[in-house]
Protein backbone atom coordinates (compact mmCIF):
# COMPACT_ATOMS: atom_id res chain seq x y z
CA MET A 1 -77.48 18.40 3.93
CA ARG A 2 -77.02 21.66 5.35
CA ARG A 3 -74.91 24.00 2.99
CA VAL A 4 -72.38 24.63 5.42
CA SER A 5 -71.51 20.92 4.62
CA LEU A 6 -69.71 22.18 1.65
CA GLY A 7 -67.22 24.68 3.77
CA LEU A 8 -66.16 24.11 7.34
CA PHE A 9 -66.57 20.33 8.44
CA VAL A 10 -67.32 18.02 5.40
CA ALA A 11 -67.83 15.40 7.52
CA LEU A 12 -66.76 11.89 8.06
CA GLY A 13 -67.09 9.04 10.38
CA VAL A 14 -66.95 5.26 9.56
CA LEU A 15 -66.03 2.51 11.55
CA VAL A 16 -62.33 2.06 11.93
CA ILE A 17 -60.28 1.90 14.53
CA ALA A 18 -59.75 4.98 16.03
CA SER A 19 -56.57 7.59 17.47
CA MET A 20 -55.28 6.72 20.65
CA SER A 21 -53.65 9.74 21.00
CA SER A 22 -55.41 12.42 22.99
CA ALA A 23 -55.92 16.05 21.82
CA LYS A 24 -56.16 18.76 24.56
CA PRO A 25 -58.02 21.66 23.63
CA ALA A 26 -55.75 24.52 22.73
CA MET A 27 -55.60 26.97 25.68
CA PRO A 28 -58.04 29.91 25.95
CA SER A 29 -57.20 33.39 25.35
CA GLY A 30 -58.95 36.59 25.21
CA ALA A 31 -55.77 38.56 24.04
CA GLY A 32 -56.53 39.95 20.17
CA HIS A 33 -56.11 42.80 17.42
CA THR A 34 -58.42 44.57 15.42
CA PHE A 35 -58.18 46.38 12.19
CA THR A 36 -60.25 47.90 9.67
CA SER A 37 -60.38 45.93 5.72
CA GLY A 38 -62.60 47.32 3.46
CA GLY A 39 -65.51 48.72 6.05
CA ALA A 40 -65.19 45.64 8.12
CA THR A 41 -63.75 45.15 11.67
CA ILE A 42 -61.57 41.99 11.30
CA TRP A 43 -60.39 40.55 14.91
CA TYR A 44 -57.26 38.70 15.03
CA GLU A 45 -54.68 36.92 17.38
CA VAL A 46 -51.09 36.08 17.43
CA ARG A 47 -50.07 32.82 19.75
CA GLY A 48 -46.42 32.24 20.04
CA ASN A 49 -43.24 34.55 20.28
CA GLY A 50 -41.07 32.79 17.41
CA GLY A 51 -39.40 35.01 14.66
CA GLY A 52 -40.02 33.82 10.93
CA ARG A 53 -42.74 34.25 8.52
CA PRO A 54 -46.19 33.95 10.56
CA LEU A 55 -48.48 30.94 9.88
CA VAL A 56 -51.80 31.70 8.99
CA MET A 57 -54.56 29.29 9.87
CA VAL A 58 -57.74 30.01 8.04
CA ASN A 59 -61.14 28.31 9.29
CA GLY A 60 -64.05 26.72 8.05
CA GLY A 61 -67.39 27.41 7.28
CA PRO A 62 -68.44 29.65 5.42
CA GLY A 63 -70.02 31.28 8.37
CA PHE A 64 -68.19 29.99 11.14
CA ASP A 65 -65.60 31.66 13.67
CA HIS A 66 -62.31 30.60 14.33
CA THR A 67 -63.01 28.97 17.91
CA TYR A 68 -63.95 24.84 16.90
CA VAL A 69 -60.05 24.76 15.60
CA LEU A 70 -58.89 25.41 19.44
CA CYS A 71 -60.48 21.96 20.07
CA SER A 72 -56.50 20.63 19.91
CA ASP A 73 -53.32 21.62 21.35
CA ALA A 74 -51.66 20.75 18.13
CA TRP A 75 -51.52 24.58 17.15
CA ASP A 76 -49.96 25.77 20.76
CA THR A 77 -47.25 23.25 19.86
CA ILE A 78 -46.26 24.87 16.56
CA ALA A 79 -46.61 27.66 18.17
CA LYS A 80 -43.66 26.71 20.38
CA HIS A 81 -41.63 27.53 17.34
CA ARG A 82 -43.31 30.06 15.21
CA LYS A 83 -46.19 32.32 15.48
CA VAL A 84 -49.45 30.74 14.53
CA VAL A 85 -52.63 33.59 13.46
CA PHE A 86 -55.96 33.14 14.24
CA TYR A 87 -58.67 35.49 12.48
CA ASP A 88 -62.36 35.56 12.61
CA GLN A 89 -63.59 36.06 8.94
CA ARG A 90 -65.63 38.92 8.17
CA GLY A 91 -69.10 38.90 9.73
CA ASN A 92 -68.36 36.07 12.10
CA GLY A 93 -66.92 35.58 15.79
CA ARG A 94 -65.25 38.36 17.20
CA SER A 95 -65.10 40.25 13.95
CA GLY A 96 -68.56 41.29 14.51
CA ALA A 97 -71.91 40.14 12.29
CA LEU A 98 -72.31 42.32 8.99
CA ALA A 99 -73.84 45.70 8.96
CA ALA A 100 -77.00 46.18 6.98
CA GLY A 101 -75.74 45.72 3.14
CA GLN A 102 -72.20 44.91 3.97
CA SER A 103 -70.67 43.26 1.44
CA CYS A 104 -69.41 39.72 2.29
CA THR A 105 -67.74 38.19 -1.45
CA LEU A 106 -64.78 35.57 -2.10
CA ALA A 107 -63.27 38.95 -2.95
CA ASP A 108 -63.78 40.41 0.05
CA GLN A 109 -62.41 37.62 1.85
CA VAL A 110 -59.17 37.59 -0.29
CA ALA A 111 -58.73 41.28 0.35
CA ASP A 112 -59.49 40.41 4.32
CA LEU A 113 -56.47 38.06 3.99
CA ASP A 114 -54.27 40.44 2.45
CA ALA A 115 -54.98 42.73 5.06
CA LEU A 116 -54.38 40.84 7.56
CA ARG A 117 -51.08 40.24 6.16
CA ALA A 118 -50.30 43.61 5.89
CA GLU A 119 -51.12 44.20 9.77
CA LEU A 120 -48.70 41.37 10.33
CA HIS A 121 -46.06 43.58 8.74
CA ALA A 122 -45.20 40.33 6.69
CA ASP A 123 -44.08 40.55 3.06
CA THR A 124 -45.01 36.51 2.84
CA ILE A 125 -46.71 34.41 5.15
CA ASP A 126 -47.45 30.73 5.41
CA LEU A 127 -51.03 29.44 4.99
CA LEU A 128 -52.82 26.94 6.32
CA GLY A 129 -56.89 26.42 5.17
CA HIS A 130 -59.49 24.27 6.57
CA SER A 131 -62.14 22.91 4.86
CA TRP A 132 -63.94 26.55 2.96
CA GLY A 133 -60.76 27.87 4.38
CA GLY A 134 -58.95 25.53 2.07
CA TYR A 135 -60.87 27.09 -1.01
CA LEU A 136 -60.12 30.39 0.28
CA VAL A 137 -56.35 30.04 0.34
CA MET A 138 -56.15 28.39 -2.77
CA ALA A 139 -58.34 31.81 -4.29
CA TYR A 140 -55.45 33.82 -2.17
CA ALA A 141 -53.05 32.01 -3.45
CA ALA A 142 -54.02 32.29 -7.02
CA ARG A 143 -54.76 36.38 -6.61
CA HIS A 144 -51.24 37.15 -4.70
CA PRO A 145 -49.20 34.14 -5.43
CA ASP A 146 -45.64 36.26 -4.58
CA ARG A 147 -46.67 36.53 -0.79
CA VAL A 148 -47.62 33.10 0.01
CA ALA A 149 -44.43 31.14 1.16
CA HIS A 150 -46.10 27.84 2.10
CA LEU A 151 -49.79 26.62 1.53
CA ILE A 152 -51.17 24.01 3.30
CA ILE A 153 -54.56 22.54 1.93
CA ALA A 154 -56.51 21.06 4.68
CA ASP A 155 -59.78 18.91 4.08
CA SER A 156 -60.63 21.52 1.40
CA ALA A 157 -63.80 22.23 -0.91
CA ALA A 158 -63.18 21.45 -4.36
CA PRO A 159 -62.04 24.77 -6.47
CA LYS A 160 -65.43 24.74 -8.03
CA TRP A 161 -67.59 24.72 -5.23
CA GLY A 162 -70.08 22.25 -7.08
CA ASP A 163 -67.40 19.67 -7.38
CA THR A 164 -67.09 19.05 -3.80
CA GLU A 165 -67.64 14.96 -2.96
CA PHE A 166 -69.48 14.44 0.03
CA ILE A 167 -71.44 11.46 0.54
CA PHE A 168 -73.06 11.76 4.43
CA LYS A 169 -75.96 9.92 3.30
CA ASN A 170 -73.86 6.88 2.03
CA ILE A 171 -72.38 6.39 5.52
CA PHE A 172 -75.16 7.73 8.16
CA PRO A 173 -78.36 7.47 6.18
CA GLU A 174 -80.20 7.99 9.44
CA GLY A 175 -78.39 11.03 10.45
CA VAL A 176 -79.25 13.00 7.26
CA GLU A 177 -82.92 11.33 7.94
CA ARG A 178 -83.25 12.98 10.81
CA GLN A 179 -81.94 16.03 9.68
CA GLY A 180 -84.16 16.46 6.53
CA PRO A 181 -87.07 18.01 9.12
CA LEU A 182 -84.88 19.80 11.22
CA ASP A 183 -83.53 21.73 8.37
CA PHE A 184 -87.21 22.35 7.16
CA ALA A 185 -87.92 23.73 10.83
CA ASP A 186 -84.28 25.71 11.45
CA ALA A 187 -85.66 27.51 7.86
CA LEU A 188 -89.31 28.39 9.66
CA GLY A 189 -87.18 29.92 12.39
CA ASP A 190 -87.02 27.53 14.69
CA SER A 191 -84.42 28.10 16.93
CA VAL A 192 -84.03 24.95 18.60
CA ALA A 193 -84.47 22.93 15.69
CA ALA A 194 -81.43 25.14 14.06
CA LYS A 195 -79.49 24.06 16.77
CA GLU A 196 -80.49 20.27 16.56
CA SER A 197 -79.55 20.13 13.19
CA MET A 198 -76.66 21.71 13.58
CA ASN A 199 -75.58 19.11 16.54
CA GLU A 200 -76.53 16.10 13.65
CA TYR A 201 -74.10 17.52 11.70
CA LEU A 202 -71.28 17.92 13.96
CA LYS A 203 -71.85 14.20 15.20
CA MET A 204 -70.92 12.85 11.40
CA LEU A 205 -67.57 14.65 11.76
CA PHE A 206 -65.08 12.04 13.38
CA VAL A 207 -63.92 8.40 13.37
CA SER A 208 -63.84 8.60 17.21
CA ALA A 209 -66.55 8.38 19.42
CA GLU A 210 -64.72 9.72 22.60
CA LYS A 211 -63.25 12.76 20.15
CA ARG A 212 -66.89 13.23 18.77
CA ASP A 213 -68.13 13.54 22.32
CA ASP A 214 -65.16 16.01 23.66
CA PHE A 215 -65.69 18.01 20.10
CA LEU A 216 -69.67 18.22 21.10
CA SER A 217 -68.94 19.12 24.69
CA ARG A 218 -67.98 22.58 23.65
CA ALA A 219 -70.18 22.91 20.67
CA SER A 220 -72.19 25.86 22.34
CA THR A 221 -68.90 27.88 22.19
CA TYR A 222 -68.25 27.94 18.21
CA ARG A 223 -70.34 30.51 16.49
CA PHE A 224 -72.07 30.21 13.18
CA SER A 225 -73.61 32.97 11.07
CA LYS A 226 -76.10 31.48 8.93
CA THR A 227 -76.20 34.78 6.68
CA VAL A 228 -72.36 35.11 6.29
CA ASN A 229 -73.00 31.18 4.75
CA GLU A 230 -75.38 32.02 2.42
CA THR A 231 -74.14 34.86 1.41
CA LEU A 232 -71.25 33.41 0.09
CA ASN A 233 -72.33 30.07 -0.64
CA ALA A 234 -74.31 32.05 -3.94
CA ASP A 235 -71.08 34.34 -4.71
CA LEU A 236 -69.14 31.17 -4.81
CA ALA A 237 -71.15 29.02 -7.35
CA LYS A 238 -69.45 31.95 -10.10
CA TYR A 239 -66.18 30.47 -9.67
CA ASP A 240 -64.08 27.74 -11.06
CA MET A 241 -60.48 27.82 -9.96
CA TRP A 242 -59.37 23.98 -11.52
CA PRO A 243 -57.74 26.04 -14.23
CA VAL A 244 -55.19 28.36 -12.07
CA LEU A 245 -53.97 25.18 -9.50
CA PRO A 246 -51.36 24.20 -12.41
CA THR A 247 -49.86 27.56 -12.10
CA PHE A 248 -49.03 27.20 -8.43
CA LYS A 249 -45.19 27.48 -7.63
CA MET A 250 -45.25 27.87 -4.11
CA PRO A 251 -44.35 24.20 -2.09
CA THR A 252 -48.04 22.67 -1.15
CA LEU A 253 -48.96 20.18 0.87
CA VAL A 254 -52.66 18.84 0.66
CA LEU A 255 -53.81 16.79 3.49
CA THR A 256 -56.88 14.99 4.54
CA GLY A 257 -58.40 12.40 6.62
CA ARG A 258 -59.17 9.24 5.14
CA TYR A 259 -62.54 8.89 6.72
CA ASP A 260 -63.23 12.27 6.11
CA ILE A 261 -67.08 11.93 4.64
CA ASN A 262 -68.16 14.77 2.94
CA VAL A 263 -65.22 16.78 1.64
CA ALA A 264 -64.23 13.03 0.57
CA PRO A 265 -60.38 12.25 0.03
CA SER A 266 -61.10 11.93 -3.88
CA THR A 267 -61.66 15.51 -3.50
CA ALA A 268 -58.40 16.09 -1.90
CA TRP A 269 -56.60 13.95 -4.68
CA LYS A 270 -58.11 15.87 -7.27
CA ILE A 271 -56.30 19.11 -5.99
CA HIS A 272 -53.11 17.60 -5.21
CA LYS A 273 -52.75 15.89 -8.43
CA ALA A 274 -53.95 19.66 -10.19
CA ILE A 275 -50.59 21.22 -8.34
CA THR A 276 -47.68 20.20 -9.65
CA ASN A 277 -45.36 18.79 -7.47
CA SER A 278 -47.83 19.25 -4.25
CA ARG A 279 -47.11 16.97 -1.39
CA TRP A 280 -50.00 14.30 -0.35
CA GLU A 281 -50.56 13.49 3.37
CA VAL A 282 -53.36 11.28 4.39
CA PHE A 283 -54.54 10.87 8.09
CA GLU A 284 -55.29 7.13 8.04
CA LYS A 285 -57.25 7.47 11.80
CA SER A 286 -59.14 10.87 10.75
CA GLY A 287 -62.33 12.82 9.67
CA HIS A 288 -62.33 15.95 8.38
CA LEU A 289 -60.27 17.35 11.71
CA PRO A 290 -57.08 15.47 11.23
CA TYR A 291 -55.56 17.89 13.86
CA PHE A 292 -57.76 17.00 16.46
CA GLU A 293 -57.96 13.34 16.11
CA GLU A 294 -54.32 12.52 14.90
CA PRO A 295 -52.50 16.20 16.88
CA ASP A 296 -49.01 14.25 17.25
CA LYS A 297 -48.95 13.62 13.94
CA PHE A 298 -50.35 16.85 12.33
CA VAL A 299 -47.63 18.72 14.20
CA ARG A 300 -44.81 16.47 12.94
CA VAL A 301 -46.24 16.89 9.12
CA VAL A 302 -46.54 20.22 9.34
CA GLU A 303 -43.30 21.45 10.81
CA ASP A 304 -41.48 19.20 8.55
CA PHE A 305 -43.03 20.70 5.84
CA LEU A 306 -42.51 24.35 6.94
CA GLY A 307 -39.13 24.20 7.56
CA PRO A 308 -37.61 25.28 11.27
CA ARG A 309 -38.99 28.01 13.03
CA GLY A 310 -40.75 29.44 9.79
CA GLY A 311 -37.60 30.32 8.04
CA THR A 312 -36.71 34.38 7.53
CA GLU A 313 -39.00 36.87 6.95
CA ARG A 314 -37.94 40.31 5.92
CA SER A 315 -40.16 43.05 7.55
CA GLU A 316 -42.36 45.49 5.68
CA ARG A 317 -41.67 48.07 8.28
């Protein structure tokens, strides 16, 4: 399986009854701002005009930009009552490609996220990390626990990168077999094979065939950096965050799609058990993207956890 599978999407798919709620894509937006962090230009966008703490959405990968999460209008629904912030991690999307020799480590990613918090003039932020983004928000919370008001860990990779439990080969053996030769051709520089391999991977993320086809219809807009993916995969092998999870004191929600096949629910369960008093939520009709397959429930769960209108936030200014 592609090494990207340990981050962003960590798949799913199983023959179960699909969610009947329809998920529209988030409203497109060309708005955004940039700032500089550690020599990298970081792009971000704020949606919603509510007061209080911003909710920062940290997308998966490593190596994807934020556009894949816009498959669902759940974010715009949440933004009716609070500010929701998207950003492209260094080396991705509108933040621009890595310059020759530019650093891209876990420490850089944590520093960039804290620089975004400062750019937002927020003493504290609510954090929601999806897949690799779940790993990143755990790392941020470990480094800056006093700056996280609420932590949401969604279908996350394991705190020790190599402990992530993915089961593609057990559920989609034919897809994994097809992908093997494509990955080999990709490694030799075949751009067509690279696209087909990524498509094969994305096809395995959904419970609902309808949702799968909807997501894939916009796949050409999702941006992926192989350089970022490979650079961070190498760096993340150094770390083990399991010992620090019991020290988390901020309110924490750990959620998973029941049929998330790469980042299996067992990974999420272990994270939940390691964080004292964390809340556990399973989306029974979802794979790796509960906000897309069960958007109504996702909004309810997130808003109930965060409280009304983002609480209050004292500005740094």
